[in-house]
């Protein structure tokens, strides 16, 4: 079992930045791909960014490319999402997720992930 806990969300003006953190406990996250998803009210949960176990491969949703950066520190059992140039449409609850299956690239589908955090709210005001 692994527990994931997100933090770092909040209220920010458009154009601002936030850094989200996701800390794992109960087991090491280092062998596993990790990802960030988000869910806005009335919408399905969507993939934002993913990172392989060693950090050498990342992938992003088109809507966040060039603005968001996913990274990880396996020694701290933590994954990060640096979000710059935030837009009102980035407003959502952000979730981190862990994939137990070894893969070359992090998958983009929610059903591929085995563990989820509780989420952290990000609100971007115009």
Foldseek 3Di string as FASTA:
>chain_A
DKAKAKDWADEEAAQAKIKMKIAIPPDFLLQWKKFKWWDDPPGDIWGAKIAGSVRPDMDGDPVQPPFWDWDDDRVRSMIMIIGGRDDQVVWTWMKMFIAPDHDPYDDTDPVRTDYMYPTDTHGYHD
